[in-house]
N, C-alpha and C. Protein backbone atom coordinates (compact mmCIF):
# COMPACT_ATOMS: atom_id res chain seq x y z
N UNK A 1 0.82 -1.19 0.00
CA UNK A 1 0.00 0.00 0.00
C UNK A 1 0.86 1.26 0.00
N UNK A 2 2.02 1.17 0.61
CA UNK A 2 2.91 2.32 0.69
C UNK A 2 3.38 2.76 -0.69
N UNK A 3 3.60 1.82 -1.60
CA UNK A 3 4.07 2.15 -2.94
C UNK A 3 3.06 2.94 -3.75
N UNK A 4 1.78 2.72 -3.51
CA UNK A 4 0.75 3.43 -4.27
C UNK A 4 0.74 4.92 -3.92
N UNK A 5 1.15 5.26 -2.71
CA UNK A 5 1.25 6.66 -2.31
C UNK A 5 2.28 7.39 -3.18
N UNK A 6 3.41 6.77 -3.41
CA UNK A 6 4.46 7.38 -4.22
C UNK A 6 4.07 7.45 -5.69
N UNK A 7 3.34 6.46 -6.16
CA UNK A 7 2.87 6.47 -7.55
C UNK A 7 1.89 7.63 -7.75
N UNK A 8 1.00 7.82 -6.82
CA UNK A 8 0.03 8.92 -6.91
C UNK A 8 0.70 10.27 -6.86
N UNK A 9 1.69 10.41 -5.99
CA UNK A 9 2.42 11.68 -5.85
C UNK A 9 3.19 11.98 -7.14
N UNK A 10 3.80 10.97 -7.74
CA UNK A 10 4.53 11.14 -8.99
C UNK A 10 3.61 11.47 -10.14
N UNK A 11 2.43 10.85 -10.16
CA UNK A 11 1.45 11.15 -11.19
C UNK A 11 0.97 12.58 -11.08
N UNK A 12 0.74 13.05 -9.87
CA UNK A 12 0.34 14.43 -9.66
C UNK A 12 1.43 15.39 -10.15
N UNK A 13 2.69 15.06 -9.92
CA UNK A 13 3.79 15.91 -10.38
C UNK A 13 3.81 15.97 -11.91
N UNK A 14 3.55 14.85 -12.58
CA UNK A 14 3.49 14.85 -14.05
C UNK A 14 2.32 15.69 -14.57
N UNK A 15 1.18 15.57 -13.91
CA UNK A 15 0.02 16.37 -14.30
C UNK A 15 0.31 17.85 -14.11
N UNK A 16 0.96 18.20 -13.02
CA UNK A 16 1.32 19.61 -12.77
C UNK A 16 2.28 20.13 -13.83
N UNK A 17 3.20 19.29 -14.28
CA UNK A 17 4.13 19.71 -15.34
C UNK A 17 3.35 20.02 -16.62
N UNK A 18 2.35 19.22 -16.93
CA UNK A 18 1.53 19.47 -18.11
C UNK A 18 0.72 20.74 -17.98
N UNK A 19 0.15 20.98 -16.80
CA UNK A 19 -0.60 22.22 -16.56
C UNK A 19 0.33 23.42 -16.70
N UNK A 20 1.53 23.30 -16.14
CA UNK A 20 2.49 24.41 -16.21
C UNK A 20 2.86 24.74 -17.65
N UNK A 21 3.10 23.72 -18.45
CA UNK A 21 3.45 23.96 -19.85
C UNK A 21 2.28 24.61 -20.59
N UNK A 22 1.08 24.25 -20.24
CA UNK A 22 -0.10 24.86 -20.85
C UNK A 22 -0.24 26.33 -20.49
N UNK A 23 0.39 26.74 -19.39
CA UNK A 23 0.36 28.13 -18.96
C UNK A 23 1.67 28.85 -19.28
N UNK A 24 2.45 28.27 -20.21
CA UNK A 24 3.73 28.84 -20.65
C UNK A 24 4.72 29.02 -19.50
N UNK A 25 4.78 28.03 -18.65
CA UNK A 25 5.75 28.01 -17.55
C UNK A 25 6.62 26.76 -17.70
N UNK A 26 7.71 26.72 -16.97
CA UNK A 26 8.65 25.60 -17.09
C UNK A 26 8.06 24.33 -16.49
N UNK A 27 7.85 23.33 -17.34
CA UNK A 27 7.31 22.07 -16.87
C UNK A 27 8.25 21.34 -15.93
N UNK A 28 9.55 21.39 -16.23
CA UNK A 28 10.53 20.70 -15.38
C UNK A 28 10.58 21.32 -13.99
N UNK A 29 10.61 22.64 -13.92
CA UNK A 29 10.66 23.31 -12.61
C UNK A 29 9.42 22.98 -11.78
N UNK A 30 8.26 23.00 -12.42
CA UNK A 30 7.03 22.70 -11.70
C UNK A 30 6.94 21.23 -11.34
N UNK A 31 7.51 20.37 -12.16
CA UNK A 31 7.55 18.94 -11.82
C UNK A 31 8.35 18.74 -10.54
N UNK A 32 9.53 19.34 -10.49
CA UNK A 32 10.38 19.20 -9.31
C UNK A 32 9.74 19.84 -8.08
N UNK A 33 9.13 21.00 -8.27
CA UNK A 33 8.45 21.66 -7.16
C UNK A 33 7.28 20.83 -6.67
N UNK A 34 6.59 20.19 -7.59
CA UNK A 34 5.45 19.35 -7.22
C UNK A 34 5.87 18.11 -6.44
N UNK A 35 7.06 17.61 -6.71
CA UNK A 35 7.55 16.48 -5.92
C UNK A 35 7.71 16.86 -4.45
N UNK A 36 8.00 18.13 -4.20
CA UNK A 36 8.17 18.60 -2.83
C UNK A 36 6.85 19.05 -2.20
N UNK A 37 6.04 19.78 -2.98
CA UNK A 37 4.85 20.41 -2.41
C UNK A 37 3.54 19.70 -2.71
N UNK A 38 3.52 18.88 -3.73
CA UNK A 38 2.33 18.09 -4.06
C UNK A 38 1.10 18.91 -4.37
N UNK A 39 0.02 18.67 -3.65
CA UNK A 39 -1.25 19.34 -3.93
C UNK A 39 -1.19 20.86 -3.80
N UNK A 40 -0.33 21.37 -2.94
CA UNK A 40 -0.20 22.82 -2.82
C UNK A 40 0.32 23.43 -4.12
N UNK A 41 1.24 22.75 -4.79
CA UNK A 41 1.74 23.23 -6.08
C UNK A 41 0.63 23.22 -7.13
N UNK A 42 -0.24 22.22 -7.08
CA UNK A 42 -1.38 22.16 -8.00
C UNK A 42 -2.28 23.36 -7.78
N UNK A 43 -2.55 23.67 -6.53
CA UNK A 43 -3.38 24.83 -6.21
C UNK A 43 -2.76 26.12 -6.75
N UNK A 44 -1.45 26.28 -6.57
CA UNK A 44 -0.76 27.48 -7.06
C UNK A 44 -0.86 27.58 -8.59
N UNK A 45 -0.72 26.47 -9.28
CA UNK A 45 -0.82 26.47 -10.74
C UNK A 45 -2.22 26.82 -11.21
N UNK A 46 -3.22 26.30 -10.53
CA UNK A 46 -4.60 26.54 -10.94
C UNK A 46 -4.97 28.01 -10.81
N UNK A 47 -4.49 28.67 -9.76
CA UNK A 47 -4.86 30.08 -9.58
C UNK A 47 -3.93 31.03 -10.34
N UNK A 48 -2.81 30.53 -10.85
CA UNK A 48 -1.85 31.38 -11.59
C UNK A 48 -2.41 31.74 -12.96
N UNK A 49 -2.13 32.96 -13.38
CA UNK A 49 -2.53 33.41 -14.71
C UNK A 49 -1.58 32.86 -15.75
N UNK A 50 -2.09 32.79 -16.98
CA UNK A 50 -1.27 32.33 -18.09
C UNK A 50 -0.31 33.46 -18.49
N UNK A 51 0.94 33.08 -18.74
CA UNK A 51 1.92 34.09 -19.16
C UNK A 51 1.76 34.41 -20.61
């Protein structure tokens, strides 16, 4: 069960990278940030304006 937690967290980081690229931001930077912050990074991306 512990492994599924890491899979979900990694999937969220990939989704955040895609959202970031859609908003003309660095996907790699947001991927790495999402690995640390998880859902909080998703929230920041959702409320951020498109560049």
